[in-house]
């Protein structure tokens, strides 16, 4: 049986091309603050969240837990920053 870290790494590697393609297609900074609905999260936050998932996994594997109340999201103003 493979180790859990190896499993997650294989999963991340397989998702990277599709995630990169999706992020590259979001016109940032034009849509950074776009919200499809007043109760929605801004597009920039959603894109950053998607790009940050591998860091969540790494943190959880090394620390054993993740607390999103205190999690520091990266800041980005351009697509290159996010990628």
N, C-alpha and C. Protein backbone atom coordinates (compact mmCIF):
# COMPACT_ATOMS: atom_id res chain seq x y z
N UNK A 1 0.85 -1.19 0.00
CA UNK A 1 0.00 0.00 0.00
C UNK A 1 0.89 1.24 0.00
N UNK A 2 0.56 2.18 -0.85
CA UNK A 2 1.38 3.38 -0.94
C UNK A 2 1.12 4.31 0.25
N UNK A 3 2.11 5.11 0.55
CA UNK A 3 1.98 6.06 1.65
C UNK A 3 0.98 7.15 1.27
N UNK A 4 0.33 7.71 2.28
CA UNK A 4 -0.68 8.74 2.05
C UNK A 4 -0.09 9.94 1.31
N UNK A 5 1.11 10.37 1.68
CA UNK A 5 1.76 11.49 1.02
C UNK A 5 1.99 11.23 -0.46
N UNK A 6 2.37 10.00 -0.79
CA UNK A 6 2.58 9.63 -2.20
C UNK A 6 1.26 9.67 -2.96
N UNK A 7 0.20 9.21 -2.31
CA UNK A 7 -1.12 9.24 -2.94
C UNK A 7 -1.52 10.67 -3.27
N UNK A 8 -1.38 11.58 -2.28
CA UNK A 8 -1.75 12.97 -2.51
C UNK A 8 -0.87 13.61 -3.58
N UNK A 9 0.42 13.29 -3.58
CA UNK A 9 1.32 13.87 -4.57
C UNK A 9 0.91 13.45 -5.97
N UNK A 10 0.56 12.17 -6.15
CA UNK A 10 0.10 11.70 -7.47
C UNK A 10 -1.18 12.44 -7.88
N UNK A 11 -2.07 12.64 -6.93
CA UNK A 11 -3.33 13.34 -7.21
C UNK A 11 -3.05 14.78 -7.62
N UNK A 12 -2.18 15.46 -6.89
CA UNK A 12 -1.84 16.85 -7.20
C UNK A 12 -1.20 16.94 -8.59
N UNK A 13 -0.25 16.05 -8.87
CA UNK A 13 0.40 16.06 -10.18
C UNK A 13 -0.59 15.87 -11.31
N UNK A 14 -1.58 15.03 -11.10
CA UNK A 14 -2.56 14.80 -12.17
C UNK A 14 -3.51 15.98 -12.34
N UNK A 15 -3.71 16.78 -11.30
CA UNK A 15 -4.62 17.91 -11.36
C UNK A 15 -3.95 19.22 -11.81
N UNK A 16 -2.64 19.28 -11.72
CA UNK A 16 -1.92 20.53 -12.03
C UNK A 16 -2.24 21.07 -13.42
N UNK A 17 -2.18 20.27 -14.49
CA UNK A 17 -2.46 20.84 -15.82
C UNK A 17 -3.85 21.46 -15.94
N UNK A 18 -4.87 20.79 -15.44
CA UNK A 18 -6.23 21.32 -15.54
C UNK A 18 -6.41 22.56 -14.67
N UNK A 19 -5.81 22.55 -13.49
CA UNK A 19 -5.91 23.70 -12.59
C UNK A 19 -5.22 24.91 -13.20
N UNK A 20 -4.02 24.70 -13.73
CA UNK A 20 -3.27 25.79 -14.38
C UNK A 20 -4.07 26.36 -15.54
N UNK A 21 -4.64 25.50 -16.37
CA UNK A 21 -5.42 25.94 -17.52
C UNK A 21 -6.61 26.79 -17.07
N UNK A 22 -7.27 26.35 -16.03
CA UNK A 22 -8.43 27.08 -15.50
C UNK A 22 -8.01 28.46 -14.97
N UNK A 23 -6.95 28.51 -14.18
CA UNK A 23 -6.47 29.77 -13.60
C UNK A 23 -6.03 30.73 -14.70
N UNK A 24 -5.35 30.22 -15.72
CA UNK A 24 -4.86 31.06 -16.81
C UNK A 24 -6.01 31.72 -17.57
N UNK A 25 -7.18 31.14 -17.54
CA UNK A 25 -8.31 31.67 -18.29
C UNK A 25 -9.13 32.71 -17.53
N UNK A 26 -8.84 32.91 -16.26
CA UNK A 26 -9.55 33.93 -15.50
C UNK A 26 -8.84 35.26 -15.74
N UNK A 27 -9.54 36.24 -16.31
CA UNK A 27 -8.90 37.53 -16.59
C UNK A 27 -8.68 38.34 -15.31
N UNK A 28 -7.49 38.24 -14.80
CA UNK A 28 -7.12 38.97 -13.59
C UNK A 28 -6.22 40.10 -14.04
N UNK A 29 -6.33 41.30 -13.60
CA UNK A 29 -7.10 41.79 -12.46
C UNK A 29 -8.54 42.19 -12.78
N UNK A 30 -8.98 42.10 -14.03
CA UNK A 30 -10.32 42.56 -14.39
C UNK A 30 -11.42 41.91 -13.54
N UNK A 31 -11.30 40.60 -13.28
CA UNK A 31 -12.34 39.91 -12.53
C UNK A 31 -11.96 39.57 -11.10
N UNK A 32 -10.91 40.16 -10.60
CA UNK A 32 -10.44 39.87 -9.24
C UNK A 32 -11.55 40.08 -8.21
N UNK A 33 -12.33 41.12 -8.35
CA UNK A 33 -13.38 41.43 -7.39
C UNK A 33 -14.78 41.08 -7.88
N UNK A 34 -14.88 40.43 -9.03
CA UNK A 34 -16.19 40.07 -9.60
C UNK A 34 -16.92 39.07 -8.71
N UNK A 35 -18.21 39.33 -8.48
CA UNK A 35 -19.07 38.42 -7.74
C UNK A 35 -20.32 38.18 -8.57
N UNK A 36 -20.63 36.93 -8.90
CA UNK A 36 -21.83 36.66 -9.70
C UNK A 36 -23.11 36.96 -8.93
N UNK A 37 -23.00 37.02 -7.61
CA UNK A 37 -24.15 37.31 -6.75
C UNK A 37 -23.63 38.05 -5.53
N UNK A 38 -24.45 38.88 -4.94
CA UNK A 38 -24.01 39.68 -3.79
C UNK A 38 -23.52 38.83 -2.62
N UNK A 39 -24.02 37.60 -2.48
CA UNK A 39 -23.59 36.72 -1.39
C UNK A 39 -22.41 35.84 -1.78
N UNK A 40 -21.96 35.95 -3.01
CA UNK A 40 -20.85 35.12 -3.51
C UNK A 40 -19.51 35.65 -3.04
N UNK A 41 -18.54 34.76 -3.03
CA UNK A 41 -17.16 35.13 -2.75
C UNK A 41 -16.58 35.74 -4.03
N UNK A 42 -15.70 36.74 -3.93
CA UNK A 42 -15.09 37.32 -5.13
C UNK A 42 -14.31 36.28 -5.94
N UNK A 43 -14.30 36.43 -7.24
CA UNK A 43 -13.62 35.51 -8.14
C UNK A 43 -12.14 35.34 -7.76
N UNK A 44 -11.50 36.42 -7.38
CA UNK A 44 -10.09 36.35 -6.99
C UNK A 44 -9.87 35.42 -5.81
N UNK A 45 -10.76 35.46 -4.84
CA UNK A 45 -10.64 34.56 -3.68
C UNK A 45 -10.81 33.10 -4.11
N UNK A 46 -11.77 32.85 -5.01
CA UNK A 46 -12.00 31.49 -5.46
C UNK A 46 -10.79 30.93 -6.21
N UNK A 47 -10.20 31.77 -7.06
CA UNK A 47 -9.03 31.34 -7.82
C UNK A 47 -7.85 31.09 -6.88
N UNK A 48 -7.65 31.98 -5.93
CA UNK A 48 -6.56 31.78 -4.95
C UNK A 48 -6.78 30.51 -4.14
N UNK A 49 -8.02 30.26 -3.76
CA UNK A 49 -8.33 29.07 -2.99
C UNK A 49 -7.99 27.81 -3.80
N UNK A 50 -8.36 27.82 -5.05
CA UNK A 50 -8.09 26.67 -5.92
C UNK A 50 -6.57 26.45 -6.06
N UNK A 51 -5.85 27.53 -6.21
CA UNK A 51 -4.40 27.43 -6.38
C UNK A 51 -3.70 27.03 -5.08
N UNK A 52 -4.33 27.29 -3.95
CA UNK A 52 -3.71 27.06 -2.64
C UNK A 52 -3.96 25.65 -2.09
N UNK A 53 -4.81 24.87 -2.71
CA UNK A 53 -5.15 23.54 -2.20
C UNK A 53 -3.91 22.66 -1.99
N UNK A 54 -2.93 22.63 -2.90
CA UNK A 54 -1.74 21.81 -2.62
C UNK A 54 -1.02 22.21 -1.32
N UNK A 55 -1.04 23.51 -1.02
CA UNK A 55 -0.41 23.97 0.23
C UNK A 55 -1.21 23.49 1.44
N UNK A 56 -2.54 23.44 1.31
CA UNK A 56 -3.37 22.90 2.40
C UNK A 56 -2.99 21.46 2.69
N UNK A 57 -2.83 20.68 1.62
CA UNK A 57 -2.50 19.27 1.78
C UNK A 57 -1.14 19.11 2.43
N UNK A 58 -0.16 19.86 1.95
CA UNK A 58 1.19 19.80 2.53
C UNK A 58 1.16 20.15 4.01
N UNK A 59 0.46 21.23 4.34
CA UNK A 59 0.36 21.66 5.73
C UNK A 59 -0.31 20.58 6.59
N UNK A 60 -1.40 20.02 6.10
CA UNK A 60 -2.12 19.00 6.85
C UNK A 60 -1.27 17.75 7.05
N UNK A 61 -0.50 17.38 6.03
CA UNK A 61 0.36 16.20 6.14
C UNK A 61 1.50 16.42 7.15
N UNK A 62 2.03 17.64 7.21
CA UNK A 62 3.15 17.89 8.12
C UNK A 62 2.69 18.25 9.52
N UNK A 63 1.57 18.98 9.64
CA UNK A 63 1.10 19.42 10.95
C UNK A 63 0.01 18.52 11.54
N UNK A 64 -0.65 17.75 10.68
CA UNK A 64 -1.70 16.86 11.15
C UNK A 64 -3.07 17.50 11.24
N UNK A 65 -3.13 18.81 11.04
CA UNK A 65 -4.40 19.55 11.15
C UNK A 65 -4.27 20.87 10.40
N UNK A 66 -5.39 21.40 9.99
CA UNK A 66 -5.40 22.73 9.37
C UNK A 66 -6.57 23.51 9.96
N UNK A 67 -6.32 24.74 10.33
CA UNK A 67 -7.35 25.59 10.92
C UNK A 67 -7.57 26.77 9.96
N UNK A 68 -8.66 26.74 9.23
CA UNK A 68 -8.92 27.78 8.24
C UNK A 68 -9.29 29.12 8.86
N UNK A 69 -9.59 29.14 10.14
CA UNK A 69 -9.87 30.43 10.80
C UNK A 69 -8.60 31.25 10.92
N UNK A 70 -7.46 30.59 11.03
CA UNK A 70 -6.19 31.29 11.18
C UNK A 70 -5.29 31.15 9.95
N UNK A 71 -5.75 30.46 8.94
CA UNK A 71 -4.96 30.22 7.72
C UNK A 71 -4.70 31.53 7.00
N UNK A 72 -3.48 31.77 6.62
CA UNK A 72 -3.10 32.98 5.89
C UNK A 72 -3.10 32.69 4.40
N UNK A 73 -4.04 33.29 3.69
CA UNK A 73 -4.11 33.12 2.25
C UNK A 73 -3.06 33.98 1.57
N UNK A 74 -2.47 33.48 0.49
CA UNK A 74 -1.51 34.30 -0.24
C UNK A 74 -2.22 35.46 -0.93
N UNK A 75 -1.49 36.53 -1.16
CA UNK A 75 -2.06 37.67 -1.87
C UNK A 75 -1.54 37.65 -3.29
N UNK A 76 -2.40 38.01 -4.21
CA UNK A 76 -2.00 38.04 -5.61
C UNK A 76 -2.80 39.11 -6.34
N UNK A 77 -2.14 39.74 -7.29
CA UNK A 77 -2.79 40.78 -8.09
C UNK A 77 -2.80 40.44 -9.58
N UNK A 78 -2.04 39.40 -9.94
CA UNK A 78 -1.97 39.01 -11.34
C UNK A 78 -2.07 37.48 -11.45
N UNK A 79 -2.33 37.02 -12.65
CA UNK A 79 -2.38 35.58 -12.89
C UNK A 79 -1.03 34.95 -12.59
N UNK A 80 0.04 35.62 -12.96
CA UNK A 80 1.40 35.09 -12.69
C UNK A 80 1.63 34.92 -11.19
N UNK A 81 1.14 35.84 -10.38
CA UNK A 81 1.27 35.71 -8.92
C UNK A 81 0.58 34.44 -8.44
N UNK A 82 -0.57 34.16 -8.99
CA UNK A 82 -1.36 33.00 -8.56
C UNK A 82 -0.69 31.70 -9.00
N UNK A 83 -0.22 31.69 -10.24
CA UNK A 83 0.44 30.47 -10.74
C UNK A 83 1.75 30.25 -10.05
